[in-house]
């Protein structure tokens, strides 16, 4: 069964971290309950997420891998994985999504509706965190075109929105 909570999310292509190049990985923190057999509906991923958030906070680990060299950890060739034997994953932070009711809390519902109308791009970053490599440069064009086609609002530059 699929869940947005138990999936892994990664940068796939590297980004800058100040003077370094890294890839990142976000995964459910240890102890996260496995996915239950939620009925498949048109919106089952959101329903499963909402059910989890009604019960507890959600925790994710944020890990990074550092660039070593072009042979072991290439920036331009994203088809080559960065081996953990040469660039181990290092946990640098935890992300907490606080317990809430996505369906009944008016403030949470309003924020959720705003987020659904936003376009997101890895290029909405400072110079110290900008994407690296040709794949990321291509994504810049693709994300912009996709966002314009779907009529999404740009990412906010201030918070709260």
Foldseek 3Di string as FASTA:
>chain_A
DDEPQADKDKPLAWWFQAPWIKIKIKGWDPPPDDQDCQPDDPCRRVVSVLVVLQPFKTKIWMWMWTDDDCVQRNRADSVHDRDCVVTNIDTDDMDIDGRDHCPPDVVNVVVVVLVVQEQDAQCPDDNNTHTDYDVNVVRVVVSVVVNVVVVGDYDDPDPDD
